[in-house]
Protein backbone atom coordinates (compact mmCIF):
# COMPACT_ATOMS: atom_id res chain seq x y z
CA MET A 1 -39.48 -73.48 9.95
CA LEU A 2 -36.34 -71.72 8.78
CA SER A 3 -33.24 -73.38 10.17
CA LEU A 4 -30.46 -71.27 11.68
CA ALA A 5 -28.18 -72.28 8.82
CA ALA A 6 -30.73 -71.17 6.23
CA LEU A 7 -31.21 -67.92 8.12
CA TRP A 8 -27.48 -67.25 8.09
CA VAL A 9 -27.13 -68.04 4.38
CA LEU A 10 -30.01 -65.71 3.51
CA LYS A 11 -28.60 -63.00 5.75
CA SER A 12 -25.18 -63.25 4.06
CA PHE A 13 -26.74 -63.10 0.61
CA LEU A 14 -28.79 -60.01 1.45
CA LEU A 15 -25.91 -58.22 3.15
CA GLU A 16 -23.25 -59.01 0.58
CA THR A 17 -25.25 -58.82 -2.65
CA ILE A 18 -28.69 -57.21 -2.49
CA PHE A 19 -28.29 -54.48 0.15
CA PRO A 20 -25.08 -52.84 -1.15
CA ALA A 21 -26.50 -52.58 -4.68
CA PHE A 22 -29.75 -51.11 -3.40
CA ILE A 23 -28.01 -48.56 -1.16
CA GLU A 24 -25.68 -47.50 -3.95
CA TRP A 25 -28.68 -46.91 -6.21
CA ILE A 26 -30.38 -44.83 -3.53
CA LYS A 27 -27.24 -42.77 -2.94
CA ASN A 28 -26.98 -41.92 -6.60
CA SER A 29 -30.66 -41.07 -7.05
CA HIS A 30 -31.23 -38.16 -4.67
CA ASP A 31 -29.67 -35.05 -3.17
CA LYS A 32 -28.31 -35.74 0.30
CA ASN A 33 -28.58 -32.10 1.50
CA VAL A 34 -31.26 -32.88 4.05
CA ASP A 35 -31.89 -31.63 7.57
CA GLU A 36 -31.69 -34.82 9.64
CA ASP A 37 -33.79 -33.36 12.46
CA ASN A 38 -36.79 -33.22 10.14
CA LEU A 39 -36.51 -36.92 9.36
CA LYS A 40 -36.90 -38.34 12.84
CA VAL A 41 -40.20 -39.28 14.41
CA GLU A 42 -39.88 -38.60 18.09
CA SER A 43 -41.78 -40.62 20.67
CA GLU A 44 -43.58 -38.83 23.49
CA THR A 45 -42.47 -41.57 25.90
CA ASP A 46 -38.91 -42.71 26.33
CA GLU A 47 -38.29 -46.27 25.07
CA ASP A 48 -36.79 -47.37 28.40
CA GLU A 49 -39.90 -46.11 30.23
CA ILE A 50 -42.17 -48.19 27.97
CA LEU A 51 -40.02 -51.29 28.42
CA ASP A 52 -39.91 -50.77 32.20
CA GLU A 53 -43.70 -50.38 32.31
CA ILE A 54 -44.17 -53.64 30.41
CA LYS A 55 -41.73 -55.51 32.63
CA GLU A 56 -43.12 -54.08 35.87
CA ALA A 57 -46.55 -55.35 34.85
CA GLY A 58 -45.10 -58.85 34.51
CA LEU A 59 -45.74 -58.98 30.77
CA SER A 60 -43.65 -60.86 28.22
CA SER A 61 -45.17 -60.05 24.82
CA ALA A 62 -46.68 -57.22 22.78
CA ASN A 63 -50.02 -59.04 22.80
CA GLU A 64 -50.08 -59.04 26.61
CA ALA A 65 -49.09 -55.36 26.71
CA LEU A 66 -52.04 -54.44 24.49
CA ARG A 67 -54.45 -56.38 26.67
CA VAL A 68 -53.21 -55.18 30.04
CA LEU A 69 -51.83 -51.68 29.43
CA ALA A 70 -54.10 -50.58 26.56
CA GLY A 71 -57.19 -52.33 27.90
CA ILE A 72 -58.09 -54.17 24.68
CA SER A 73 -60.62 -56.97 25.11
CA SER A 74 -59.46 -60.43 24.12
CA SER A 75 -60.45 -64.08 23.97
CA ILE A 76 -58.41 -67.27 24.19
CA ASN A 77 -57.23 -68.54 20.83
CA THR A 78 -58.62 -72.08 20.56
CA ALA A 79 -55.87 -72.84 18.04
CA GLY A 80 -53.32 -72.54 20.84
CA GLY A 81 -50.34 -70.27 21.36
CA ARG A 82 -50.02 -67.45 23.88
CA ASP A 83 -51.30 -64.68 21.61
CA GLN A 84 -54.95 -64.13 22.45
CA ILE A 85 -57.42 -62.79 19.86
CA LEU A 86 -57.64 -59.01 20.28
CA ASP A 87 -61.05 -57.40 19.90
CA ILE A 88 -61.69 -53.69 19.40
CA ARG A 89 -65.36 -52.67 19.52
CA GLY A 90 -66.87 -56.09 20.08
CA PHE A 91 -66.67 -58.08 16.83
CA GLY A 92 -66.37 -61.36 18.71
CA GLU A 93 -65.60 -64.39 16.52
CA SER A 94 -64.56 -62.15 13.60
CA ALA A 95 -62.50 -59.74 15.74
CA SER A 96 -59.15 -60.55 14.13
CA SER A 97 -60.59 -59.79 10.68
CA ASN A 98 -61.71 -56.31 11.76
CA ILE A 99 -58.38 -55.03 13.11
CA ALA A 100 -55.37 -54.02 11.04
CA VAL A 101 -52.05 -54.87 12.70
CA LEU A 102 -48.82 -53.21 11.59
CA VAL A 103 -45.19 -53.53 12.63
CA ASP A 104 -43.09 -50.54 11.60
CA GLY A 105 -45.77 -49.46 9.13
CA ILE A 106 -46.09 -52.85 7.40
CA ARG A 107 -49.32 -54.83 7.62
CA GLN A 108 -49.10 -58.23 9.29
CA ASN A 109 -52.63 -59.50 8.55
CA GLU A 110 -52.83 -62.74 6.61
CA GLY A 111 -55.31 -63.96 4.04
CA ASP A 112 -57.04 -66.10 6.68
CA SER A 113 -58.84 -65.23 9.91
CA LYS A 114 -56.46 -66.83 12.40
CA GLY A 115 -55.25 -63.48 13.67
CA VAL A 116 -51.80 -61.94 13.88
CA ASP A 117 -49.03 -63.37 16.04
CA LEU A 118 -47.00 -60.70 17.85
CA SER A 119 -45.05 -62.91 20.25
CA TRP A 120 -42.07 -63.03 17.86
CA ILE A 121 -41.36 -59.34 18.50
CA PRO A 122 -38.67 -58.99 21.22
CA LEU A 123 -39.89 -56.87 24.11
CA GLU A 124 -36.52 -55.15 24.25
CA SER A 125 -36.97 -53.80 20.72
CA ILE A 126 -40.38 -52.15 21.24
CA GLU A 127 -40.16 -48.37 21.09
CA ARG A 128 -43.89 -47.73 21.39
CA ILE A 129 -47.28 -49.19 20.52
CA GLU A 130 -49.86 -46.95 18.87
CA LEU A 131 -53.54 -47.79 19.10
CA LEU A 132 -56.24 -46.27 16.89
CA ARG A 133 -59.78 -47.08 17.96
CA GLY A 134 -62.22 -46.84 15.08
CA SER A 135 -61.77 -47.15 11.36
CA GLY A 136 -58.37 -46.55 9.78
CA ALA A 137 -59.46 -47.70 6.34
CA VAL A 138 -58.08 -44.80 4.27
CA LEU A 139 -54.44 -45.22 5.27
CA TYR A 140 -54.40 -48.87 6.31
CA GLY A 141 -56.90 -50.53 3.97
CA GLU A 142 -59.47 -53.25 4.38
CA GLY A 143 -60.05 -54.96 7.69
CA ALA A 144 -59.50 -51.82 9.81
CA THR A 145 -63.15 -51.33 10.77
CA GLY A 146 -62.60 -51.86 14.50
CA GLY A 147 -59.22 -50.20 14.76
CA VAL A 148 -55.50 -50.27 14.04
CA ILE A 149 -52.62 -51.57 16.18
CA HIS A 150 -49.16 -50.31 15.24
CA VAL A 151 -46.05 -51.71 16.94
CA ILE A 152 -43.00 -49.53 16.33
CA THR A 153 -39.56 -50.95 17.06
CA ASN A 154 -36.43 -49.07 18.00
CA LYS A 155 -34.04 -49.06 15.05
CA ASN A 156 -31.30 -46.84 16.48
CA VAL A 157 -30.01 -48.67 19.53
CA GLY A 158 -26.86 -46.53 19.56
CA ALA A 159 -24.50 -49.23 20.77
CA SER A 160 -24.00 -52.97 20.77
CA SER A 161 -26.00 -54.68 23.49
CA GLY A 162 -27.49 -58.01 24.46
CA THR A 163 -30.16 -59.43 26.74
CA ILE A 164 -30.96 -62.91 28.01
CA ALA A 165 -34.12 -63.50 30.02
CA VAL A 166 -35.75 -66.58 31.54
CA GLY A 167 -38.99 -66.95 33.44
CA VAL A 168 -41.37 -69.44 35.01
CA GLY A 169 -44.99 -69.13 36.05
CA SER A 170 -48.19 -70.92 36.90
CA LEU A 171 -49.75 -73.62 34.70
CA GLY A 172 -46.29 -74.93 33.83
CA ARG A 173 -45.23 -71.74 32.07
CA ARG A 174 -41.55 -71.60 31.09
CA GLU A 175 -39.93 -69.05 28.83
CA GLY A 176 -36.49 -68.08 27.62
CA ARG A 177 -35.53 -65.34 25.18
CA PHE A 178 -32.46 -63.52 23.94
CA VAL A 179 -31.71 -60.40 21.92
CA LYS A 180 -28.32 -59.39 20.51
CA ARG A 181 -27.77 -56.02 18.82
CA PHE A 182 -24.64 -54.76 17.12
CA GLU A 183 -23.57 -51.93 14.80
CA SER A 184 -21.61 -51.99 11.57
CA GLN A 185 -21.03 -48.55 10.04
CA ASN A 186 -24.54 -47.29 9.16
CA TRP A 187 -26.10 -50.67 9.87
CA VAL A 188 -27.83 -51.75 13.06
CA HIS A 189 -28.43 -55.50 13.33
CA SER A 190 -30.59 -57.44 15.75
CA ILE A 191 -30.92 -61.19 16.25
CA ALA A 192 -33.60 -62.45 18.64
CA GLY A 193 -35.04 -65.80 19.66
CA ASN A 194 -37.76 -67.00 21.97
CA ARG A 195 -38.91 -70.33 23.45
CA PHE A 196 -42.21 -70.61 25.31
CA LEU A 197 -43.94 -73.60 26.92
CA SER A 198 -47.15 -73.85 28.93
CA ASP A 199 -49.39 -76.65 30.17
CA GLY A 200 -52.45 -74.47 29.57
CA HIS A 201 -55.53 -74.01 31.73
CA ARG A 202 -57.21 -77.20 30.47
CA GLU A 203 -56.33 -80.80 29.81
CA ASN A 204 -54.71 -81.28 26.38
CA PHE A 205 -53.99 -77.55 26.00
CA ALA A 206 -50.21 -77.68 26.41
CA THR A 207 -48.43 -75.31 24.01
CA GLU A 208 -44.89 -75.13 22.67
CA GLU A 209 -43.77 -72.07 20.74
CA ALA A 210 -40.43 -71.00 19.28
CA SER A 211 -39.38 -68.03 17.16
CA LEU A 212 -36.22 -66.67 15.59
CA ASN A 213 -35.75 -63.41 13.72
CA TRP A 214 -33.03 -61.22 12.29
CA ALA A 215 -33.46 -57.52 11.50
CA ALA A 216 -31.13 -55.03 9.87
CA ASN A 217 -31.60 -51.28 9.44
CA TRP A 218 -29.42 -48.88 7.47
CA ASP A 219 -29.69 -45.12 8.07
CA ASP A 220 -27.54 -42.24 6.84
CA GLY A 221 -29.91 -39.52 8.07
CA ALA A 222 -31.61 -39.01 4.72
CA THR A 223 -32.30 -42.56 3.65
CA ARG A 224 -33.39 -45.61 5.61
CA PHE A 225 -33.45 -49.21 4.55
CA GLY A 226 -34.62 -52.19 6.56
CA ALA A 227 -34.94 -55.94 6.30
CA LEU A 228 -36.55 -58.51 8.56
CA ILE A 229 -36.51 -62.29 8.39
CA ALA A 230 -38.73 -64.03 10.95
CA SER A 231 -39.75 -67.60 11.60
CA GLN A 232 -42.17 -69.00 14.17
CA ALA A 233 -43.50 -72.47 15.01
CA THR A 234 -46.29 -73.55 17.37
CA ASN A 235 -47.43 -76.98 18.53
CA THR A 236 -50.49 -77.30 20.74
CA GLY A 237 -53.16 -79.58 22.08
CA LEU A 238 -56.78 -78.92 21.05
CA PRO A 239 -59.09 -79.52 24.03
CA GLY A 240 -62.33 -78.79 22.17
CA GLY A 241 -65.55 -77.40 23.61
CA LEU A 242 -67.45 -77.93 26.87
CA ASN A 243 -71.13 -77.92 27.72
CA LEU A 244 -72.43 -75.63 30.45
CA ASP A 245 -72.53 -78.34 33.11
CA ASP A 246 -68.89 -79.30 32.47
CA PHE A 247 -67.83 -75.68 32.48
CA GLN A 248 -69.35 -75.18 35.92
CA THR A 249 -68.23 -78.46 37.53
CA ARG A 250 -64.97 -79.46 35.76
CA PRO A 251 -63.78 -76.59 33.55
CA THR A 252 -60.39 -78.19 32.82
CA HIS A 253 -61.87 -81.34 31.30
CA THR A 254 -61.50 -82.31 27.64
CA TYR A 255 -63.36 -84.80 25.44
CA THR A 256 -60.55 -84.70 22.84
CA PRO A 257 -57.38 -85.75 24.68
CA ASN A 258 -55.52 -86.73 21.51
CA ASP A 259 -56.40 -83.86 19.17
CA ARG A 260 -53.31 -81.86 18.13
CA GLY A 261 -52.49 -78.89 15.94
CA GLU A 262 -49.34 -77.20 14.70
CA GLY A 263 -48.42 -74.18 12.61
CA THR A 264 -45.44 -72.38 11.13
CA LEU A 265 -45.01 -68.84 9.87
CA ASP A 266 -42.02 -67.65 7.83
CA SER A 267 -41.71 -64.09 6.56
CA LEU A 268 -39.37 -61.75 4.73
CA THR A 269 -39.87 -57.97 4.71
CA LEU A 270 -37.90 -55.29 2.88
CA SER A 271 -38.55 -51.56 3.29
CA ALA A 272 -36.97 -48.29 2.22
CA GLU A 273 -37.59 -44.59 2.82
CA THR A 274 -35.83 -41.59 1.29
CA ASP A 275 -36.06 -37.86 0.57
CA ILE A 276 -36.95 -36.99 -3.05
CA GLY A 277 -36.74 -33.21 -2.79
CA ALA A 278 -39.12 -30.27 -2.35
CA ASP A 279 -40.08 -31.50 1.15
CA TRP A 280 -41.42 -34.79 -0.29
CA ARG A 281 -40.45 -38.20 1.03
CA ALA A 282 -41.06 -41.61 -0.50
CA ALA A 283 -41.29 -45.09 1.00
CA VAL A 284 -41.78 -48.58 -0.34
CA ASP A 285 -42.17 -51.93 1.38
CA ILE A 286 -42.64 -55.48 0.21
CA SER A 287 -43.36 -58.52 2.33
CA ARG A 288 -43.78 -62.22 1.74
CA ARG A 289 -45.28 -64.54 4.36
CA VAL A 290 -45.95 -68.26 4.22
CA ARG A 291 -48.17 -69.80 6.89
CA ALA A 292 -48.91 -73.53 7.24
CA VAL A 293 -51.48 -74.83 9.73
CA SER A 294 -52.53 -78.45 10.27
CA ALA A 295 -54.64 -80.28 12.82
CA ASN A 296 -55.54 -83.88 13.57
CA TYR A 297 -58.99 -84.18 15.15
CA VAL A 298 -58.71 -87.77 16.33
CA ALA A 299 -62.01 -87.69 18.24
CA SER A 300 -63.93 -86.60 15.13
CA GLY A 301 -61.94 -88.64 12.64
CA TYR A 302 -60.72 -85.95 10.27
CA THR A 303 -57.71 -83.73 9.60
CA THR A 304 -57.18 -80.21 8.25
CA ASP A 305 -54.23 -78.79 6.39
CA SER A 306 -53.88 -75.30 4.95
CA HIS A 307 -51.09 -73.33 3.30
CA ASN A 308 -51.47 -69.58 3.00
CA ARG A 309 -49.05 -67.46 0.94
CA THR A 310 -49.35 -63.69 1.10
CA THR A 311 -47.41 -61.05 -0.83
CA ARG A 312 -47.86 -57.34 -0.16
CA LEU A 313 -46.41 -54.30 -1.91
CA GLY A 314 -46.94 -50.78 -0.66
CA GLY A 315 -45.68 -47.41 -1.86
CA ARG A 316 -46.41 -43.94 -0.55
CA LEU A 317 -45.37 -40.32 -0.91
CA TRP A 318 -45.93 -37.62 1.68
CA TRP A 319 -45.28 -33.91 1.97
CA GLU A 320 -45.13 -31.73 5.06
CA GLY A 321 -44.98 -27.98 4.67
CA GLU A 322 -46.97 -24.80 4.28
CA LEU A 323 -49.30 -23.81 1.46
CA LEU A 324 -50.50 -20.20 1.51
CA GLY A 325 -49.12 -19.99 5.02
CA VAL A 326 -51.18 -22.97 6.28
CA PRO A 327 -49.23 -25.99 7.68
CA GLN A 328 -50.41 -29.27 6.25
CA THR A 329 -49.51 -32.85 5.40
CA VAL A 330 -50.42 -34.64 2.17
CA THR A 331 -50.11 -38.42 1.75
CA VAL A 332 -50.74 -40.47 -1.40
CA GLY A 333 -50.07 -44.16 -1.89
CA LEU A 334 -50.91 -47.51 -3.38
CA ASP A 335 -51.23 -50.99 -1.90
CA GLN A 336 -51.26 -54.34 -3.65
CA GLU A 337 -51.98 -57.69 -2.03
CA ARG A 338 -51.95 -61.20 -3.47
CA TRP A 339 -52.70 -64.32 -1.49
CA THR A 340 -53.48 -67.95 -2.12
CA GLU A 341 -54.73 -70.67 0.19
CA ASP A 342 -54.69 -74.40 -0.43
CA ARG A 343 -56.87 -76.55 1.87
CA LEU A 344 -56.96 -80.27 1.06
CA GLY A 345 -58.95 -79.71 -2.12
CA PRO A 346 -60.28 -76.15 -2.29
CA PHE A 347 -57.82 -73.62 -3.70
CA ILE A 348 -58.50 -69.90 -3.44
CA SER A 349 -56.64 -66.91 -4.80
CA GLN A 350 -57.40 -63.26 -4.15
CA ARG A 351 -55.93 -60.02 -5.38
CA SER A 352 -56.71 -56.50 -4.24
CA ASP A 353 -55.36 -53.19 -5.52
CA ALA A 354 -55.90 -49.86 -3.85
CA ILE A 355 -54.95 -46.21 -4.21
CA TYR A 356 -55.47 -43.61 -1.51
CA ALA A 357 -54.90 -39.96 -0.61
CA ARG A 358 -55.21 -38.05 2.66
CA GLN A 359 -54.66 -34.43 3.67
CA ALA A 360 -54.41 -32.90 7.16
CA ILE A 361 -54.52 -29.12 7.63
CA GLU A 362 -53.62 -27.06 10.69
CA ILE A 363 -56.16 -24.27 10.18
CA SER A 364 -55.04 -22.43 13.32
CA GLN A 365 -53.43 -23.20 16.65
CA ALA A 366 -56.83 -24.37 17.84
CA TRP A 367 -58.39 -26.01 14.77
CA THR A 368 -57.19 -28.92 12.62
CA ALA A 369 -59.03 -30.80 9.86
CA PHE A 370 -58.36 -33.88 7.76
CA GLY A 371 -59.91 -35.82 4.91
CA GLY A 372 -59.06 -38.75 2.70
CA ALA A 373 -60.31 -41.46 0.39
CA ARG A 374 -59.30 -44.94 -0.83
CA ARG A 375 -60.40 -46.93 -3.86
CA THR A 376 -60.09 -50.75 -3.63
CA VAL A 377 -60.63 -53.28 -6.44
CA ILE A 378 -60.91 -56.99 -5.54
CA GLU A 379 -60.91 -60.24 -7.49
CA ARG A 380 -61.33 -63.62 -5.79
CA ASN A 381 -61.24 -66.94 -7.62
CA ALA A 382 -61.61 -70.49 -6.30
CA TRP A 383 -61.40 -74.01 -7.59
CA GLY A 384 -62.73 -77.25 -6.10
CA THR A 385 -65.67 -77.52 -3.70
CA THR A 386 -65.93 -73.73 -3.35
CA ALA A 387 -65.61 -72.90 -7.05
CA GLY A 388 -66.63 -69.39 -8.02
CA LEU A 389 -65.51 -65.90 -8.98
CA LEU A 390 -66.09 -62.61 -7.16
CA THR A 391 -65.14 -59.19 -8.47
CA ALA A 392 -65.93 -56.04 -6.50
CA SER A 393 -64.80 -52.47 -5.99
CA GLU A 394 -65.38 -50.28 -2.96
CA ASN A 395 -64.61 -46.75 -1.79
CA SER A 396 -63.55 -45.80 1.75
CA TRP A 397 -63.37 -42.22 2.99
CA GLU A 398 -63.04 -40.09 6.10
CA LEU A 399 -63.54 -36.47 7.19
CA GLY A 400 -62.81 -35.05 10.60
CA GLY A 401 -61.15 -32.48 12.77
CA SER A 402 -60.27 -31.38 16.27
CA TYR A 403 -60.45 -28.25 18.42
CA VAL A 404 -58.18 -27.24 21.28
CA GLY A 405 -59.88 -24.33 23.03
CA VAL A 406 -58.43 -24.79 26.50
CA PRO A 407 -54.93 -26.07 27.29
CA GLU A 408 -54.87 -29.81 28.00
CA HIS A 409 -58.32 -30.26 26.40
CA LYS A 410 -59.13 -31.43 22.86
CA THR A 411 -62.49 -32.17 21.25
CA PHE A 412 -62.57 -34.25 18.06
CA ALA A 413 -65.03 -35.70 15.56
CA ARG A 414 -64.81 -38.00 12.54
CA VAL A 415 -67.13 -39.52 9.94
CA GLY A 416 -66.19 -42.07 7.32
CA SER A 417 -66.58 -45.52 5.85
CA SER A 418 -64.59 -48.75 5.91
CA LEU A 419 -64.29 -52.08 4.10
CA ARG A 420 -63.61 -55.69 5.04
CA LEU A 421 -63.08 -58.62 2.68
CA ALA A 422 -63.89 -62.24 3.48
CA LYS A 423 -60.87 -64.32 4.52
CA ALA A 424 -59.94 -67.61 2.88
CA ASP A 425 -61.23 -69.81 5.69
CA GLU A 426 -64.51 -67.88 6.00
CA PHE A 427 -65.96 -69.23 2.76
CA ILE A 428 -64.65 -72.79 3.05
CA CYS A 429 -66.83 -75.57 4.41
CA TYR A 430 -65.69 -79.09 5.15
CA VAL A 431 -67.62 -82.04 3.75
CA GLN A 432 -68.20 -83.38 7.26
CA TRP A 433 -70.24 -80.26 8.07
CA GLY A 434 -72.62 -80.82 5.18
CA CYS A 435 -72.27 -77.40 3.53
CA GLY A 436 -71.09 -76.21 0.15
CA LEU A 437 -70.55 -72.46 0.34
CA LEU A 438 -69.46 -70.86 -2.94
CA VAL A 439 -66.59 -68.40 -2.97
CA ASN A 440 -68.84 -65.64 -4.39
CA ALA A 441 -71.46 -66.09 -1.67
CA LEU A 442 -69.75 -63.68 0.76
CA LEU A 443 -69.89 -60.05 -0.33
CA PRO A 444 -67.49 -57.38 0.99
CA GLN A 445 -68.50 -55.90 4.35
CA THR A 446 -68.89 -52.11 4.44
CA SER A 447 -69.46 -49.71 7.31
CA ASN A 448 -70.50 -46.08 7.74
CA ASP A 449 -68.96 -44.69 10.91
CA ILE A 450 -69.26 -41.60 13.08
CA GLU A 451 -67.60 -40.77 16.36
CA VAL A 452 -67.04 -37.77 18.64
CA GLY A 453 -64.82 -37.52 21.65
CA HIS A 454 -62.89 -35.42 24.12
CA GLU A 455 -59.39 -35.72 25.59
CA TRP A 456 -58.16 -33.98 28.70
CA ALA A 457 -55.31 -34.14 31.18
CA MET A 458 -55.78 -34.06 34.92
CA SER A 459 -53.27 -34.66 37.73
CA GLY A 460 -50.72 -35.98 35.28
CA GLN A 461 -53.14 -38.48 33.75
CA LYS A 462 -54.66 -38.52 30.27
CA ASN A 463 -58.40 -39.10 29.97
CA GLU A 464 -60.26 -39.92 26.76
CA LEU A 465 -63.99 -40.29 26.16
CA ARG A 466 -65.45 -41.45 22.83
CA ILE A 467 -68.98 -42.03 21.53
CA TYR A 468 -69.21 -44.04 18.31
CA ARG A 469 -71.79 -45.48 15.93
CA SER A 470 -71.18 -47.87 13.01
CA GLU A 471 -73.86 -48.90 10.52
CA ILE A 472 -72.58 -52.09 8.88
CA THR A 473 -73.83 -53.62 5.63
CA ASN A 474 -73.13 -57.28 4.81
CA GLU A 475 -71.26 -57.90 8.07
CA ILE A 476 -69.44 -61.23 7.78
CA GLY A 477 -69.96 -63.70 10.62
CA LEU A 478 -71.15 -67.15 11.67
CA ASP A 479 -74.79 -68.19 11.64
CA ALA A 480 -76.43 -70.77 13.92
CA SER A 481 -75.16 -73.66 11.79
CA TYR A 482 -71.55 -72.43 12.06
CA VAL A 483 -71.41 -71.23 8.45
CA ASN A 484 -70.15 -67.75 7.54
CA VAL A 485 -72.80 -65.51 5.98
CA ASN A 486 -73.50 -61.85 5.29
CA TYR A 487 -75.78 -60.59 8.06
CA ASP A 488 -78.68 -58.25 7.55
CA PRO A 489 -77.70 -54.62 8.29
CA THR A 490 -76.23 -54.36 11.78
CA LEU A 491 -75.62 -51.46 14.15
CA ARG A 492 -72.71 -51.17 16.55
CA GLN A 493 -72.58 -48.23 18.94
CA GLY A 494 -71.06 -47.51 22.30
CA ILE A 495 -69.14 -45.30 24.70
CA GLU A 496 -65.44 -45.75 25.43
CA TYR A 497 -63.41 -44.25 28.25
CA GLY A 498 -59.68 -44.54 28.65
CA LEU A 499 -57.27 -43.47 31.39
CA SER A 500 -53.50 -43.49 31.08
């Protein structure tokens, strides 16, 4: 995990060397005659109201807020930690691989299927959380079949401030966290830390978790630049499984009292956004994350150790204006991802490149329509026990629209397709399990989706009803022998109702 000293050295280097040069380049590369009011994305709910709602519900993390306030299904993460595995539209064991998670527009998904940790995000910095149920593949890429979660932080705190919070709860839960914000000319800085401990609901399920992050955002009204350095560490017991009789008579029992696991996650993210003229804006972001996970299964006599390194680069242009008197928004972009995973022998590397475009048109005050497409090219290579090569290319698309015929009522419909790639740990088998799955054995998962719905407001409350159907080809999941395979064609359909 990054030490505080290393964090401070890196911060000083970025502030004193990299950031000033970058900002000077931006200043000299565009016209600063821009209407600032057109550059701000306003939230429908005040930030303080969102924070108060989270606190009043007794919640302490973004993951808990999504489960309790947004009603997302979840399951306990057997790898430990307080972040449960979020599940949109019932993907079960592969739920984390079918949801795209973003923080301030930047994807947080790793190259493995362990899910995304959100507990490092300070509650006090959350401006809003956006939830998209259903595929978001065109804008957000592979792995967004079930939905998209977007956590947006407040970057303009307006004044220096600080918060210290402590808490205790059942099952030996103890937590302490702090946030310190301060301004420096056009910069807004934030330093936050968190320490969490719990004895867990079972024997040998005690968890220790710590995180530290520093964020800086520069904004002159026309150009924004941001940086985030975050580090997190988790240490947990691994209680293992139970049979049905144990679950009913002694659900806290464990047969693996000495099994332990630990993990670290270090990340660096840089992002920039600026006006380039003629009502066009441009943004670019780059992130680097290194995750290490190890476990010692004493009861079974073996250990695991994996190191995942992910690099992402994204660039996009968008235009908002009128064409032939019709208001519309056009977005084009590209995404590149490179990751490698080393697991005590097998070594896997994967690269994916994608381009996309999307257009939304306000046909009239009542009718809107949108459409878009994405092209993704993948190459996966592996050495060792899972040796093999996979190359593939897939298209994702969407068409849809909405109609507002009566005030406070909106009807919408969407059709499209989505893509999911196998994660590093989904095509790795351990020798003890007696399998030898090749890296090219798992094909990309694709889905054809359709949904219709209606939103309405009544007595100050928002209601939403959706009916969806997804026809999935080569769905990736576990078979009866606990090996990941491509299923025969599957069908997922259902009805969703939400009240807020």
